[in-house]
Amino acid sequence: MASSVRIETALAGPVGGSIASSRLTMLGQNAVTNAGTASGPITQYRGGYANAADARAGDSVEVHDLLLPRTIGYVFQTSWQQRPPPCA
């Protein structure tokens, strides 16, 4: 049994132009969400999002991930949330 769990940000920045209900692009990476436990942890949304399709190109988001061998080539999102805009 683990004595601690560490959660780190996998991606943080603006959402790119490719957005679908279960996938989006950011910082040149494909990020995939999950809605069923058979594929791994269910993606949790925060900051006013109900799913990936709620995002708009340019939104600043933070993505936490789980790297699985079957997901080579993209980030498997366990949670993501809108970030506050940067200070001017």
C-alpha atoms as a PDB file:
ATOM      1  CA  MET A   1       0.000   0.000   0.000  1.00  0.00           C
ATOM      2  CA  ALA A   2       1.281   3.442  -0.881  1.00  0.00           C
ATOM      3  CA  SER A   3       2.271   5.661   1.998  1.00  0.00           C
ATOM      4  CA  SER A   4       1.737   8.813  -0.058  1.00  0.00           C
ATOM      5  CA  VAL A   5       0.328   9.982  -3.370  1.00  0.00           C
ATOM      6  CA  ARG A   6       1.834  12.828  -5.356  1.00  0.00           C
ATOM      7  CA  ILE A   7      -0.206  14.614  -8.016  1.00  0.00           C
ATOM      8  CA  GLU A   8       1.626  16.854 -10.438  1.00  0.00           C
ATOM      9  CA  THR A   9       0.573  18.931 -13.395  1.00  0.00           C
ATOM     10  CA  ALA A  10       1.237  17.219 -16.734  1.00  0.00           C
ATOM     11  CA  LEU A  11       0.279  20.138 -18.976  1.00  0.00           C
ATOM     12  CA  ALA A  12      -0.524  23.753 -18.193  1.00  0.00           C
ATOM     13  CA  GLY A  13      -1.298  26.312 -20.829  1.00  0.00           C
ATOM     14  CA  PRO A  14      -3.707  27.324 -23.564  1.00  0.00           C
ATOM     15  CA  VAL A  15      -6.088  24.889 -25.242  1.00  0.00           C
ATOM     16  CA  GLY A  16      -5.312  24.498 -28.946  1.00  0.00           C
ATOM     17  CA  GLY A  17      -7.797  24.550 -31.796  1.00  0.00           C
ATOM     18  CA  SER A  18      -8.667  20.836 -31.832  1.00  0.00           C
ATOM     19  CA  ILE A  19     -11.442  20.198 -29.290  1.00  0.00           C
ATOM     20  CA  ALA A  20     -13.865  17.248 -29.064  1.00  0.00           C
ATOM     21  CA  SER A  21     -16.000  15.808 -26.265  1.00  0.00           C
ATOM     22  CA  SER A  22     -13.227  13.445 -25.138  1.00  0.00           C
ATOM     23  CA  ARG A  23     -10.049  14.907 -26.619  1.00  0.00           C
ATOM     24  CA  LEU A  24      -8.295  18.233 -26.940  1.00  0.00           C
ATOM     25  CA  THR A  25      -4.923  19.515 -28.033  1.00  0.00           C
ATOM     26  CA  MET A  26      -2.694  21.728 -25.957  1.00  0.00           C
ATOM     27  CA  LEU A  27       0.971  22.601 -26.229  1.00  0.00           C
ATOM     28  CA  GLY A  28       1.206  20.249 -29.201  1.00  0.00           C
ATOM     29  CA  GLN A  29       0.004  17.246 -27.160  1.00  0.00           C
ATOM     30  CA  ASN A  30      -3.198  15.244 -27.570  1.00  0.00           C
ATOM     31  CA  ALA A  31      -5.002  14.981 -24.242  1.00  0.00           C
ATOM     32  CA  VAL A  32      -7.725  12.342 -23.889  1.00  0.00           C
ATOM     33  CA  THR A  33     -10.469  12.226 -21.259  1.00  0.00           C
ATOM     34  CA  ASN A  34     -12.119   9.119 -19.843  1.00  0.00           C
ATOM     35  CA  ALA A  35     -15.765   8.585 -18.880  1.00  0.00           C
ATOM     36  CA  GLY A  36     -15.708   4.862 -17.978  1.00  0.00           C
ATOM     37  CA  THR A  37     -13.876   2.945 -15.252  1.00  0.00           C
ATOM     38  CA  ALA A  38     -12.988   0.094 -17.637  1.00  0.00           C
ATOM     39  CA  SER A  39     -10.334   2.321 -19.245  1.00  0.00           C
ATOM     40  CA  GLY A  40      -8.901   3.771 -16.037  1.00  0.00           C
ATOM     41  CA  PRO A  41      -9.754   6.632 -13.701  1.00  0.00           C
ATOM     42  CA  ILE A  42     -12.674   8.817 -14.762  1.00  0.00           C
ATOM     43  CA  THR A  43     -11.614  12.354 -15.697  1.00  0.00           C
ATOM     44  CA  GLN A  44     -12.690  14.923 -13.123  1.00  0.00           C
ATOM     45  CA  TYR A  45     -13.549  18.447 -14.304  1.00  0.00           C
ATOM     46  CA  ARG A  46     -13.250  21.655 -12.300  1.00  0.00           C
ATOM     47  CA  GLY A  47     -13.448  25.368 -12.929  1.00  0.00           C
ATOM     48  CA  GLY A  48     -16.809  25.413 -14.707  1.00  0.00           C
ATOM     49  CA  TYR A  49     -16.174  22.602 -17.213  1.00  0.00           C
ATOM     50  CA  ALA A  50     -18.487  19.593 -17.517  1.00  0.00           C
ATOM     51  CA  ASN A  51     -16.476  17.957 -20.334  1.00  0.00           C
ATOM     52  CA  ALA A  52     -13.654  18.726 -22.766  1.00  0.00           C
ATOM     53  CA  ALA A  53     -16.072  20.207 -25.303  1.00  0.00           C
ATOM     54  CA  ASP A  54     -16.793  23.067 -22.847  1.00  0.00           C
ATOM     55  CA  ALA A  55     -13.255  24.361 -23.432  1.00  0.00           C
ATOM     56  CA  ARG A  56     -12.562  27.056 -25.976  1.00  0.00           C
ATOM     57  CA  ALA A  57      -9.375  27.562 -27.943  1.00  0.00           C
ATOM     58  CA  GLY A  58      -7.106  29.789 -25.888  1.00  0.00           C
ATOM     59  CA  ASP A  59      -8.576  28.822 -22.476  1.00  0.00           C
ATOM     60  CA  SER A  60      -5.787  28.391 -19.964  1.00  0.00           C
ATOM     61  CA  VAL A  61      -6.119  24.955 -18.340  1.00  0.00           C
ATOM     62  CA  GLU A  62      -4.153  22.645 -16.087  1.00  0.00           C
ATOM     63  CA  VAL A  63      -4.179  18.908 -16.823  1.00  0.00           C
ATOM     64  CA  HIS A  64      -3.210  16.122 -14.439  1.00  0.00           C
ATOM     65  CA  ASP A  65      -2.523  12.746 -15.982  1.00  0.00           C
ATOM     66  CA  LEU A  66      -1.964   9.060 -15.590  1.00  0.00           C
ATOM     67  CA  LEU A  67       0.588   7.527 -17.935  1.00  0.00           C
ATOM     68  CA  LEU A  68      -0.455   4.057 -19.042  1.00  0.00           C
ATOM     69  CA  PRO A  69       1.408   1.805 -21.516  1.00  0.00           C
ATOM     70  CA  ARG A  70      -1.633   1.649 -23.803  1.00  0.00           C
ATOM     71  CA  THR A  71      -1.803   5.434 -24.046  1.00  0.00           C
ATOM     72  CA  ILE A  72       1.552   6.043 -25.680  1.00  0.00           C
ATOM     73  CA  GLY A  73       1.284   9.122 -27.873  1.00  0.00           C
ATOM     74  CA  TYR A  74      -1.154  11.118 -25.784  1.00  0.00           C
ATOM     75  CA  VAL A  75      -1.858  12.289 -22.249  1.00  0.00           C
ATOM     76  CA  PHE A  76      -4.613  10.370 -20.426  1.00  0.00           C
ATOM     77  CA  GLN A  77      -6.353  13.023 -18.316  1.00  0.00           C
ATOM     78  CA  THR A  78      -7.373  12.217 -14.772  1.00  0.00           C
ATOM     79  CA  SER A  79      -8.391  15.789 -13.987  1.00  0.00           C
ATOM     80  CA  TRP A  80      -8.304  19.239 -15.484  1.00  0.00           C
ATOM     81  CA  GLN A  81      -9.392  22.679 -14.512  1.00  0.00           C
ATOM     82  CA  GLN A  82      -9.431  26.210 -15.796  1.00  0.00           C
ATOM     83  CA  ARG A  83      -6.515  28.337 -14.655  1.00  0.00           C
ATOM     84  CA  PRO A  84      -6.797  32.003 -13.807  1.00  0.00           C
ATOM     85  CA  PRO A  85      -5.596  34.290 -16.596  1.00  0.00           C
ATOM     86  CA  PRO A  86      -1.975  35.441 -16.257  1.00  0.00           C
ATOM     87  CA  CYS A  87      -1.383  38.813 -14.642  1.00  0.00           C
ATOM     88  CA  ALA A  88      -0.717  41.587 -17.121  1.00  0.00           C
END
